[in-house]
Amino acid sequence: MDTFLENAQRIFDVARAGACEGESDEFALLIRPDGGLQFIMQSPFSLEAAAVDAGAQSAYRVSRSRDGVCVHGRSAGRDCILREQRAAREILRDQPLYRITSPLLTA
């Protein structure tokens, strides 16, 4: 696996581990040519514009919410998306938890 995809996987693993229920956040992680990291916590932002402005060779957008985690990476015309969605909580079930029957009549 190449460095771009390995970095995307590492960022995704950390984002999943740090995700908190109910909290939402979005930020960019830019990897500069010298290997330095730059975080952009402002919202909204354009991933492409941020990468060009910083001279980054790779850029990743990390989105975390109660619905899941998503990492979108861009580098040299390549894209990757890693996403994990949490299961929706069941409000209404397809199957009843009990059954109503008529009383047993005995004569």
PDB file of N, CA and C in Angstrom:
ATOM      1  N   MET A   1       0.853  -1.165   0.000  1.00  0.00           N
ATOM      2  CA  MET A   1       0.000   0.000   0.000  1.00  0.00           C
ATOM      3  C   MET A   1       0.909   1.241   0.000  1.00  0.00           C
ATOM      4  N   ASP A   2       0.519   2.272  -0.701  1.00  0.00           N
ATOM      5  CA  ASP A   2       1.349   3.473  -0.764  1.00  0.00           C
ATOM      6  C   ASP A   2       1.108   4.390   0.433  1.00  0.00           C
ATOM      7  N   THR A   3       1.958   5.384   0.574  1.00  0.00           N
ATOM      8  CA  THR A   3       1.931   6.290   1.719  1.00  0.00           C
ATOM      9  C   THR A   3       0.615   7.054   1.836  1.00  0.00           C
ATOM     10  N   PHE A   4       0.076   7.497   0.707  1.00  0.00           N
ATOM     11  CA  PHE A   4      -1.189   8.240   0.711  1.00  0.00           C
ATOM     12  C   PHE A   4      -2.298   7.427   1.371  1.00  0.00           C
ATOM     13  N   LEU A   5      -2.446   6.176   0.969  1.00  0.00           N
ATOM     14  CA  LEU A   5      -3.502   5.328   1.533  1.00  0.00           C
ATOM     15  C   LEU A   5      -3.194   4.905   2.968  1.00  0.00           C
ATOM     16  N   GLU A   6      -1.922   4.668   3.268  1.00  0.00           N
ATOM     17  CA  GLU A   6      -1.552   4.323   4.646  1.00  0.00           C
ATOM     18  C   GLU A   6      -1.886   5.478   5.598  1.00  0.00           C
ATOM     19  N   ASN A   7      -1.568   6.706   5.172  1.00  0.00           N
ATOM     20  CA  ASN A   7      -1.892   7.873   6.002  1.00  0.00           C
ATOM     21  C   ASN A   7      -3.394   8.010   6.182  1.00  0.00           C
ATOM     22  N   ALA A   8      -4.159   7.784   5.116  1.00  0.00           N
ATOM     23  CA  ALA A   8      -5.626   7.863   5.212  1.00  0.00           C
ATOM     24  C   ALA A   8      -6.141   6.854   6.236  1.00  0.00           C
ATOM     25  N   GLN A   9      -5.606   5.633   6.216  1.00  0.00           N
ATOM     26  CA  GLN A   9      -6.038   4.598   7.152  1.00  0.00           C
ATOM     27  C   GLN A   9      -5.673   4.975   8.588  1.00  0.00           C
ATOM     28  N   ARG A  10      -4.470   5.497   8.795  1.00  0.00           N
ATOM     29  CA  ARG A  10      -4.049   5.901  10.144  1.00  0.00           C
ATOM     30  C   ARG A  10      -4.924   7.040  10.679  1.00  0.00           C
ATOM     31  N   ILE A  11      -5.177   8.029   9.828  1.00  0.00           N
ATOM     32  CA  ILE A  11      -6.027   9.156  10.236  1.00  0.00           C
ATOM     33  C   ILE A  11      -7.426   8.655  10.568  1.00  0.00           C
ATOM     34  N   PHE A  12      -7.960   7.742   9.757  1.00  0.00           N
ATOM     35  CA  PHE A  12      -9.286   7.178   9.986  1.00  0.00           C
ATOM     36  C   PHE A  12      -9.336   6.434  11.321  1.00  0.00           C
ATOM     37  N   ASP A  13      -8.311   5.632  11.608  1.00  0.00           N
ATOM     38  CA  ASP A  13      -8.281   4.882  12.865  1.00  0.00           C
ATOM     39  C   ASP A  13      -8.273   5.812  14.073  1.00  0.00           C
ATOM     40  N   VAL A  14      -7.497   6.884  14.007  1.00  0.00           N
ATOM     41  CA  VAL A  14      -7.439   7.838  15.116  1.00  0.00           C
ATOM     42  C   VAL A  14      -8.772   8.583  15.247  1.00  0.00           C
ATOM     43  N   ALA A  15      -9.364   8.970  14.111  1.00  0.00           N
ATOM     44  CA  ALA A  15     -10.651   9.680  14.139  1.00  0.00           C
ATOM     45  C   ALA A  15     -11.746   8.800  14.737  1.00  0.00           C
ATOM     46  N   ARG A  16     -11.732   7.517  14.404  1.00  0.00           N
ATOM     47  CA  ARG A  16     -12.724   6.586  14.969  1.00  0.00           C
ATOM     48  C   ARG A  16     -12.546   6.451  16.473  1.00  0.00           C
ATOM     49  N   ALA A  17     -11.299   6.352  16.909  1.00  0.00           N
ATOM     50  CA  ALA A  17     -11.026   6.170  18.337  1.00  0.00           C
ATOM     51  C   ALA A  17     -11.388   7.419  19.132  1.00  0.00           C
ATOM     52  N   GLY A  18     -11.252   8.598  18.516  1.00  0.00           N
ATOM     53  CA  GLY A  18     -11.514   9.842  19.224  1.00  0.00           C
ATOM     54  C   GLY A  18     -12.924  10.363  19.084  1.00  0.00           C
ATOM     55  N   ALA A  19     -13.772   9.660  18.340  1.00  0.00           N
ATOM     56  CA  ALA A  19     -15.142  10.130  18.121  1.00  0.00           C
ATOM     57  C   ALA A  19     -15.963   9.984  19.396  1.00  0.00           C
ATOM     58  N   CYS A  20     -16.702  11.023  19.723  1.00  0.00           N
ATOM     59  CA  CYS A  20     -17.569  11.015  20.897  1.00  0.00           C
ATOM     60  C   CYS A  20     -19.021  11.041  20.448  1.00  0.00           C
ATOM     61  N   GLU A  21     -19.845  10.306  21.145  1.00  0.00           N
ATOM     62  CA  GLU A  21     -21.276  10.298  20.830  1.00  0.00           C
ATOM     63  C   GLU A  21     -21.855  11.690  20.992  1.00  0.00           C
ATOM     64  N   GLY A  22     -22.599  12.131  20.002  1.00  0.00           N
ATOM     65  CA  GLY A  22     -23.309  13.391  20.093  1.00  0.00           C
ATOM     66  C   GLY A  22     -22.521  14.611  19.663  1.00  0.00           C
ATOM     67  N   GLU A  23     -21.195  14.513  19.607  1.00  0.00           N
ATOM     68  CA  GLU A  23     -20.390  15.657  19.194  1.00  0.00           C
ATOM     69  C   GLU A  23     -20.079  15.568  17.709  1.00  0.00           C
ATOM     70  N   SER A  24     -20.074  16.711  17.039  1.00  0.00           N
ATOM     71  CA  SER A  24     -19.739  16.770  15.625  1.00  0.00           C
ATOM     72  C   SER A  24     -18.567  17.717  15.449  1.00  0.00           C
ATOM     73  N   ASP A  25     -17.653  17.315  14.598  1.00  0.00           N
ATOM     74  CA  ASP A  25     -16.584  18.228  14.245  1.00  0.00           C
ATOM     75  C   ASP A  25     -16.062  17.888  12.857  1.00  0.00           C
ATOM     76  N   GLU A  26     -15.391  18.866  12.278  1.00  0.00           N
ATOM     77  CA  GLU A  26     -14.832  18.705  10.945  1.00  0.00           C
ATOM     78  C   GLU A  26     -13.560  19.535  10.889  1.00  0.00           C
ATOM     79  N   PHE A  27     -12.509  18.924  10.361  1.00  0.00           N
ATOM     80  CA  PHE A  27     -11.248  19.642  10.230  1.00  0.00           C
ATOM     81  C   PHE A  27     -10.453  19.052   9.071  1.00  0.00           C
ATOM     82  N   ALA A  28      -9.413  19.779   8.676  1.00  0.00           N
ATOM     83  CA  ALA A  28      -8.527  19.319   7.613  1.00  0.00           C
ATOM     84  C   ALA A  28      -7.151  19.057   8.200  1.00  0.00           C
ATOM     85  N   LEU A  29      -6.499  18.046   7.680  1.00  0.00           N
ATOM     86  CA  LEU A  29      -5.123  17.725   8.042  1.00  0.00           C
ATOM     87  C   LEU A  29      -4.322  17.761   6.752  1.00  0.00           C
ATOM     88  N   LEU A  30      -3.346  18.663   6.696  1.00  0.00           N
ATOM     89  CA  LEU A  30      -2.529  18.829   5.501  1.00  0.00           C
ATOM     90  C   LEU A  30      -1.125  18.316   5.786  1.00  0.00           C
ATOM     91  N   ILE A  31      -0.548  17.575   4.835  1.00  0.00           N
ATOM     92  CA  ILE A  31       0.824  17.090   4.961  1.00  0.00           C
ATOM     93  C   ILE A  31       1.678  17.860   3.963  1.00  0.00           C
ATOM     94  N   ARG A  32       2.563  18.690   4.509  1.00  0.00           N
ATOM     95  CA  ARG A  32       3.414  19.535   3.671  1.00  0.00           C
ATOM     96  C   ARG A  32       4.568  18.711   3.093  1.00  0.00           C
ATOM     97  N   PRO A  33       5.213  19.219   2.056  1.00  0.00           N
ATOM     98  CA  PRO A  33       6.330  18.488   1.442  1.00  0.00           C
ATOM     99  C   PRO A  33       7.485  18.192   2.405  1.00  0.00           C
ATOM    100  N   ASP A  34       7.677  19.043   3.436  1.00  0.00           N
ATOM    101  CA  ASP A  34       8.747  18.798   4.407  1.00  0.00           C
ATOM    102  C   ASP A  34       8.342  17.783   5.476  1.00  0.00           C
ATOM    103  N   GLY A  35       7.120  17.228   5.357  1.00  0.00           N
ATOM    104  CA  GLY A  35       6.629  16.237   6.310  1.00  0.00           C
ATOM    105  C   GLY A  35       5.863  16.842   7.467  1.00  0.00           C
ATOM    106  N   GLY A  36       5.838  18.153   7.540  1.00  0.00           N
ATOM    107  CA  GLY A  36       5.110  18.824   8.619  1.00  0.00           C
ATOM    108  C   GLY A  36       3.604  18.693   8.452  1.00  0.00           C
ATOM    109  N   LEU A  37       2.903  18.765   9.563  1.00  0.00           N
ATOM    110  CA  LEU A  37       1.442  18.671   9.563  1.00  0.00           C
ATOM    111  C   LEU A  37       0.839  20.029   9.866  1.00  0.00           C
ATOM    112  N   GLN A  38      -0.271  20.307   9.213  1.00  0.00           N
ATOM    113  CA  GLN A  38      -1.009  21.541   9.480  1.00  0.00           C
ATOM    114  C   GLN A  38      -2.478  21.179   9.621  1.00  0.00           C
ATOM    115  N   PHE A  39      -3.082  21.645  10.705  1.00  0.00           N
ATOM    116  CA  PHE A  39      -4.501  21.411  10.940  1.00  0.00           C
ATOM    117  C   PHE A  39      -5.268  22.691  10.634  1.00  0.00           C
ATOM    118  N   ILE A  40      -6.425  22.537  10.028  1.00  0.00           N
ATOM    119  CA  ILE A  40      -7.330  23.658   9.802  1.00  0.00           C
ATOM    120  C   ILE A  40      -8.643  23.301  10.474  1.00  0.00           C
ATOM    121  N   MET A  41      -8.977  24.060  11.499  1.00  0.00           N
ATOM    122  CA  MET A  41     -10.174  23.781  12.281  1.00  0.00           C
ATOM    123  C   MET A  41     -11.335  24.676  11.880  1.00  0.00           C
ATOM    124  N   GLN A  42     -11.102  25.618  10.970  1.00  0.00           N
ATOM    125  CA  GLN A  42     -12.147  26.541  10.566  1.00  0.00           C
ATOM    126  C   GLN A  42     -13.177  25.821   9.706  1.00  0.00           C
ATOM    127  N   SER A  43     -14.365  26.325   9.758  1.00  0.00           N
ATOM    128  CA  SER A  43     -15.420  25.754   8.935  1.00  0.00           C
ATOM    129  C   SER A  43     -16.239  26.893   8.370  1.00  0.00           C
ATOM    130  N   PRO A  44     -16.637  26.871   7.171  1.00  0.00           N
ATOM    131  CA  PRO A  44     -16.342  25.895   6.121  1.00  0.00           C
ATOM    132  C   PRO A  44     -15.009  26.205   5.435  1.00  0.00           C
ATOM    133  N   PHE A  45     -14.468  25.221   4.782  1.00  0.00           N
ATOM    134  CA  PHE A  45     -13.232  25.392   4.050  1.00  0.00           C
ATOM    135  C   PHE A  45     -13.241  24.465   2.833  1.00  0.00           C
ATOM    136  N   SER A  46     -12.455  24.827   1.847  1.00  0.00           N
ATOM    137  CA  SER A  46     -12.288  23.999   0.661  1.00  0.00           C
ATOM    138  C   SER A  46     -10.997  23.212   0.836  1.00  0.00           C
ATOM    139  N   LEU A  47     -11.084  21.906   0.758  1.00  0.00           N
ATOM    140  CA  LEU A  47      -9.907  21.060   0.935  1.00  0.00           C
ATOM    141  C   LEU A  47      -8.850  21.366  -0.113  1.00  0.00           C
ATOM    142  N   GLU A  48      -9.278  21.535  -1.347  1.00  0.00           N
ATOM    143  CA  GLU A  48      -8.337  21.822  -2.432  1.00  0.00           C
ATOM    144  C   GLU A  48      -7.648  23.167  -2.230  1.00  0.00           C
ATOM    145  N   ALA A  49      -8.417  24.200  -1.883  1.00  0.00           N
ATOM    146  CA  ALA A  49      -7.845  25.523  -1.678  1.00  0.00           C
ATOM    147  C   ALA A  49      -6.884  25.534  -0.495  1.00  0.00           C
ATOM    148  N   ALA A  50      -7.229  24.828   0.572  1.00  0.00           N
ATOM    149  CA  ALA A  50      -6.361  24.763   1.744  1.00  0.00           C
ATOM    150  C   ALA A  50      -5.043  24.075   1.397  1.00  0.00           C
ATOM    151  N   ALA A  51      -5.113  23.003   0.612  1.00  0.00           N
ATOM    152  CA  ALA A  51      -3.908  22.278   0.214  1.00  0.00           C
ATOM    153  C   ALA A  51      -2.998  23.157  -0.650  1.00  0.00           C
ATOM    154  N   VAL A  52      -3.579  23.871  -1.600  1.00  0.00           N
ATOM    155  CA  VAL A  52      -2.798  24.740  -2.482  1.00  0.00           C
ATOM    156  C   VAL A  52      -2.168  25.872  -1.668  1.00  0.00           C
ATOM    157  N   ASP A  53      -2.942  26.469  -0.774  1.00  0.00           N
ATOM    158  CA  ASP A  53      -2.454  27.576   0.041  1.00  0.00           C
ATOM    159  C   ASP A  53      -1.278  27.151   0.923  1.00  0.00           C
ATOM    160  N   ALA A  54      -1.323  25.940   1.471  1.00  0.00           N
ATOM    161  CA  ALA A  54      -0.263  25.454   2.358  1.00  0.00           C
ATOM    162  C   ALA A  54       0.865  24.778   1.588  1.00  0.00           C
ATOM    163  N   GLY A  55       0.670  24.552   0.284  1.00  0.00           N
ATOM    164  CA  GLY A  55       1.670  23.828  -0.498  1.00  0.00           C
ATOM    165  C   GLY A  55       1.734  22.362  -0.107  1.00  0.00           C
ATOM    166  N   ALA A  56       0.620  21.825   0.348  1.00  0.00           N
ATOM    167  CA  ALA A  56       0.575  20.445   0.844  1.00  0.00           C
ATOM    168  C   ALA A  56       0.593  19.444  -0.298  1.00  0.00           C
ATOM    169  N   GLN A  57       1.266  18.320  -0.060  1.00  0.00           N
ATOM    170  CA  GLN A  57       1.261  17.253  -1.053  1.00  0.00           C
ATOM    171  C   GLN A  57       0.057  16.331  -0.870  1.00  0.00           C
ATOM    172  N   SER A  58      -0.477  16.275   0.342  1.00  0.00           N
ATOM    173  CA  SER A  58      -1.668  15.478   0.634  1.00  0.00           C
ATOM    174  C   SER A  58      -2.562  16.261   1.581  1.00  0.00           C
ATOM    175  N   ALA A  59      -3.865  16.099   1.410  1.00  0.00           N
ATOM    176  CA  ALA A  59      -4.826  16.780   2.273  1.00  0.00           C
ATOM    177  C   ALA A  59      -5.940  15.802   2.624  1.00  0.00           C
ATOM    178  N   TYR A  60      -6.370  15.858   3.873  1.00  0.00           N
ATOM    179  CA  TYR A  60      -7.426  14.967   4.360  1.00  0.00           C
ATOM    180  C   TYR A  60      -8.459  15.789   5.111  1.00  0.00           C
ATOM    181  N   ARG A  61      -9.742  15.552   4.815  1.00  0.00           N
ATOM    182  CA  ARG A  61     -10.849  16.166   5.549  1.00  0.00           C
ATOM    183  C   ARG A  61     -11.417  15.084   6.465  1.00  0.00           C
ATOM    184  N   VAL A  62     -11.500  15.410   7.739  1.00  0.00           N
ATOM    185  CA  VAL A  62     -12.023  14.469   8.730  1.00  0.00           C
ATOM    186  C   VAL A  62     -13.349  15.012   9.237  1.00  0.00           C
ATOM    187  N   SER A  63     -14.390  14.212   9.140  1.00  0.00           N
ATOM    188  CA  SER A  63     -15.725  14.586   9.619  1.00  0.00           C
ATOM    189  C   SER A  63     -16.180  13.537  10.623  1.00  0.00           C
ATOM    190  N   ARG A  64     -16.534  13.999  11.811  1.00  0.00           N
ATOM    191  CA  ARG A  64     -17.042  13.093  12.843  1.00  0.00           C
ATOM    192  C   ARG A  64     -18.378  13.622  13.333  1.00  0.00           C
ATOM    193  N   SER A  65     -19.337  12.720  13.471  1.00  0.00           N
ATOM    194  CA  SER A  65     -20.643  13.083  14.000  1.00  0.00           C
ATOM    195  C   SER A  65     -21.243  11.857  14.681  1.00  0.00           C
ATOM    196  N   ARG A  66     -22.432  12.020  15.205  1.00  0.00           N
ATOM    197  CA  ARG A  66     -23.088  10.872  15.850  1.00  0.00           C
ATOM    198  C   ARG A  66     -23.446   9.787  14.846  1.00  0.00           C
ATOM    199  N   ASP A  67     -23.474  10.162  13.557  1.00  0.00           N
ATOM    200  CA  ASP A  67     -23.800   9.187  12.516  1.00  0.00           C
ATOM    201  C   ASP A  67     -22.599   8.367  12.073  1.00  0.00           C
ATOM    202  N   GLY A  68     -21.376   8.830  12.369  1.00  0.00           N
ATOM    203  CA  GLY A  68     -20.201   8.074  11.987  1.00  0.00           C
ATOM    204  C   GLY A  68     -18.991   8.952  11.735  1.00  0.00           C
ATOM    205  N   VAL A  69     -17.983   8.370  11.084  1.00  0.00           N
ATOM    206  CA  VAL A  69     -16.716   9.028  10.812  1.00  0.00           C
ATOM    207  C   VAL A  69     -16.419   8.897   9.326  1.00  0.00           C
ATOM    208  N   CYS A  70     -15.872   9.974   8.733  1.00  0.00           N
ATOM    209  CA  CYS A  70     -15.507   9.953   7.322  1.00  0.00           C
ATOM    210  C   CYS A  70     -14.181  10.683   7.143  1.00  0.00           C
ATOM    211  N   VAL A  71     -13.269  10.067   6.380  1.00  0.00           N
ATOM    212  CA  VAL A  71     -12.011  10.700   6.007  1.00  0.00           C
ATOM    213  C   VAL A  71     -11.960  10.735   4.489  1.00  0.00           C
ATOM    214  N   HIS A  72     -11.809  11.948   3.941  1.00  0.00           N
ATOM    215  CA  HIS A  72     -11.708  12.140   2.494  1.00  0.00           C
ATOM    216  C   HIS A  72     -10.307  12.653   2.213  1.00  0.00           C
ATOM    217  N   GLY A  73      -9.528  11.910   1.449  1.00  0.00           N
ATOM    218  CA  GLY A  73      -8.159  12.296   1.154  1.00  0.00           C
ATOM    219  C   GLY A  73      -7.975  12.665  -0.309  1.00  0.00           C
ATOM    220  N   ARG A  74      -7.043  13.620  -0.568  1.00  0.00           N
ATOM    221  CA  ARG A  74      -6.686  14.036  -1.929  1.00  0.00           C
ATOM    222  C   ARG A  74      -5.181  14.183  -2.007  1.00  0.00           C
ATOM    223  N   SER A  75      -4.621  13.654  -3.091  1.00  0.00           N
ATOM    224  CA  SER A  75      -3.187  13.784  -3.318  1.00  0.00           C
ATOM    225  C   SER A  75      -2.888  13.527  -4.784  1.00  0.00           C
ATOM    226  N   ALA A  76      -2.272  14.498  -5.441  1.00  0.00           N
ATOM    227  CA  ALA A  76      -1.816  14.361  -6.833  1.00  0.00           C
ATOM    228  C   ALA A  76      -2.902  13.785  -7.753  1.00  0.00           C
ATOM    229  N   GLY A  77      -4.096  14.360  -7.677  1.00  0.00           N
ATOM    230  CA  GLY A  77      -5.180  13.920  -8.547  1.00  0.00           C
ATOM    231  C   GLY A  77      -5.855  12.623  -8.129  1.00  0.00           C
ATOM    232  N   ARG A  78      -5.504  12.090  -6.991  1.00  0.00           N
ATOM    233  CA  ARG A  78      -6.146  10.865  -6.480  1.00  0.00           C
ATOM    234  C   ARG A  78      -7.021  11.208  -5.293  1.00  0.00           C
ATOM    235  N   ASP A  79      -8.102  10.480  -5.153  1.00  0.00           N
ATOM    236  CA  ASP A  79      -9.034  10.647  -4.034  1.00  0.00           C
ATOM    237  C   ASP A  79      -9.235   9.312  -3.341  1.00  0.00           C
ATOM    238  N   CYS A  80      -9.510   9.371  -2.056  1.00  0.00           N
ATOM    239  CA  CYS A  80      -9.955   8.174  -1.343  1.00  0.00           C
ATOM    240  C   CYS A  80     -10.941   8.621  -0.272  1.00  0.00           C
ATOM    241  N   ILE A  81     -11.881   7.765   0.026  1.00  0.00           N
ATOM    242  CA  ILE A  81     -12.866   8.033   1.077  1.00  0.00           C
ATOM    243  C   ILE A  81     -12.971   6.791   1.948  1.00  0.00           C
ATOM    244  N   LEU A  82     -12.780   6.992   3.233  1.00  0.00           N
ATOM    245  CA  LEU A  82     -12.975   5.929   4.218  1.00  0.00           C
ATOM    246  C   LEU A  82     -14.123   6.380   5.106  1.00  0.00           C
ATOM    247  N   ARG A  83     -15.130   5.530   5.245  1.00  0.00           N
ATOM    248  CA  ARG A  83     -16.334   5.939   5.978  1.00  0.00           C
ATOM    249  C   ARG A  83     -16.830   4.782   6.838  1.00  0.00           C
ATOM    250  N   GLU A  84     -17.254   5.139   8.036  1.00  0.00           N
ATOM    251  CA  GLU A  84     -17.918   4.187   8.925  1.00  0.00           C
ATOM    252  C   GLU A  84     -19.192   4.840   9.421  1.00  0.00           C
ATOM    253  N   GLN A  85     -20.314   4.214   9.156  1.00  0.00           N
ATOM    254  CA  GLN A  85     -21.593   4.747   9.617  1.00  0.00           C
ATOM    255  C   GLN A  85     -22.089   3.897  10.771  1.00  0.00           C
ATOM    256  N   ARG A  86     -22.523   4.568  11.794  1.00  0.00           N
ATOM    257  CA  ARG A  86     -23.089   3.859  12.934  1.00  0.00           C
ATOM    258  C   ARG A  86     -24.494   3.403  12.578  1.00  0.00           C
ATOM    259  N   ALA A  87     -24.874   2.300  13.138  1.00  0.00           N
ATOM    260  CA  ALA A  87     -26.205   1.762  12.872  1.00  0.00           C
ATOM    261  C   ALA A  87     -27.259   2.707  13.439  1.00  0.00           C
ATOM    262  N   ALA A  88     -28.299   2.910  12.667  1.00  0.00           N
ATOM    263  CA  ALA A  88     -29.409   3.750  13.129  1.00  0.00           C
ATOM    264  C   ALA A  88     -30.103   3.046  14.289  1.00  0.00           C
ATOM    265  N   ARG A  89     -30.459   3.829  15.249  1.00  0.00           N
ATOM    266  CA  ARG A  89     -31.156   3.245  16.390  1.00  0.00           C
ATOM    267  C   ARG A  89     -32.587   2.935  16.006  1.00  0.00           C
ATOM    268  N   GLU A  90     -33.040   1.797  16.475  1.00  0.00           N
ATOM    269  CA  GLU A  90     -34.393   1.372  16.129  1.00  0.00           C
ATOM    270  C   GLU A  90     -35.410   2.136  16.963  1.00  0.00           C
ATOM    271  N   ILE A  91     -36.256   2.852  16.284  1.00  0.00           N
ATOM    272  CA  ILE A  91     -37.345   3.537  16.975  1.00  0.00           C
ATOM    273  C   ILE A  91     -38.591   2.660  16.910  1.00  0.00           C
ATOM    274  N   LEU A  92     -38.894   2.199  15.727  1.00  0.00           N
ATOM    275  CA  LEU A  92     -40.023   1.292  15.541  1.00  0.00           C
ATOM    276  C   LEU A  92     -39.477  -0.038  15.032  1.00  0.00           C
ATOM    277  N   ARG A  93     -39.884  -1.083  15.654  1.00  0.00           N
ATOM    278  CA  ARG A  93     -39.399  -2.398  15.252  1.00  0.00           C
ATOM    279  C   ARG A  93     -40.342  -2.999  14.219  1.00  0.00           C
ATOM    280  N   ASP A  94     -39.783  -3.834  13.352  1.00  0.00           N
ATOM    281  CA  ASP A  94     -40.594  -4.538  12.363  1.00  0.00           C
ATOM    282  C   ASP A  94     -41.400  -5.661  13.005  1.00  0.00           C
ATOM    283  N   GLN A  95     -40.901  -6.206  14.084  1.00  0.00           N
ATOM    284  CA  GLN A  95     -41.576  -7.315  14.735  1.00  0.00           C
ATOM    285  C   GLN A  95     -42.033  -6.866  16.124  1.00  0.00           C
ATOM    286  N   PRO A  96     -43.241  -7.192  16.492  1.00  0.00           N
ATOM    287  CA  PRO A  96     -43.728  -6.787  17.812  1.00  0.00           C
ATOM    288  C   PRO A  96     -43.000  -7.536  18.923  1.00  0.00           C
ATOM    289  N   LEU A  97     -42.931  -6.916  20.078  1.00  0.00           N
ATOM    290  CA  LEU A  97     -42.314  -7.564  21.227  1.00  0.00           C
ATOM    291  C   LEU A  97     -43.323  -8.413  22.004  1.00  0.00           C
ATOM    292  N   TYR A  98     -44.602  -8.272  21.678  1.00  0.00           N
ATOM    293  CA  TYR A  98     -45.633  -9.050  22.344  1.00  0.00           C
ATOM    294  C   TYR A  98     -46.760  -9.303  21.346  1.00  0.00           C
ATOM    295  N   ARG A  99     -47.687 -10.172  21.718  1.00  0.00           N
ATOM    296  CA  ARG A  99     -48.813 -10.487  20.851  1.00  0.00           C
ATOM    297  C   ARG A  99     -50.094 -10.411  21.671  1.00  0.00           C
ATOM    298  N   ILE A 100     -51.109  -9.792  21.111  1.00  0.00           N
ATOM    299  CA  ILE A 100     -52.411  -9.700  21.757  1.00  0.00           C
ATOM    300  C   ILE A 100     -53.301 -10.771  21.144  1.00  0.00           C
ATOM    301  N   THR A 101     -53.866 -11.570  21.995  1.00  0.00           N
ATOM    302  CA  THR A 101     -54.765 -12.626  21.522  1.00  0.00           C
ATOM    303  C   THR A 101     -56.099 -12.515  22.227  1.00  0.00           C
ATOM    304  N   SER A 102     -57.106 -13.123  21.635  1.00  0.00           N
ATOM    305  CA  SER A 102     -58.412 -13.124  22.283  1.00  0.00           C
ATOM    306  C   SER A 102     -58.370 -14.087  23.454  1.00  0.00           C
ATOM    307  N   PRO A 103     -59.201 -13.830  24.463  1.00  0.00           N
ATOM    308  CA  PRO A 103     -59.202 -14.731  25.631  1.00  0.00           C
ATOM    309  C   PRO A 103     -59.644 -16.130  25.233  1.00  0.00           C
ATOM    310  N   LEU A 104     -59.100 -17.085  25.916  1.00  0.00           N
ATOM    311  CA  LEU A 104     -59.443 -18.476  25.659  1.00  0.00           C
ATOM    312  C   LEU A 104     -60.850 -18.742  26.215  1.00  0.00           C
ATOM    313  N   LEU A 105     -61.752 -19.141  25.321  1.00  0.00           N
ATOM    314  CA  LEU A 105     -63.118 -19.417  25.746  1.00  0.00           C
ATOM    315  C   LEU A 105     -63.282 -20.913  25.961  1.00  0.00           C
ATOM    316  N   THR A 106     -63.770 -21.263  27.122  1.00  0.00           N
ATOM    317  CA  THR A 106     -64.050 -22.668  27.401  1.00  0.00           C
ATOM    318  C   THR A 106     -65.519 -22.790  27.798  1.00  0.00           C
ATOM    319  N   ALA A 107     -66.173 -23.739  27.254  1.00  0.00           N
ATOM    320  CA  ALA A 107     -67.585 -23.880  27.569  1.00  0.00           C
ATOM    321  C   ALA A 107     -67.882 -25.223  28.120  1.00  0.00           C
TER     322      ALA A 107
END
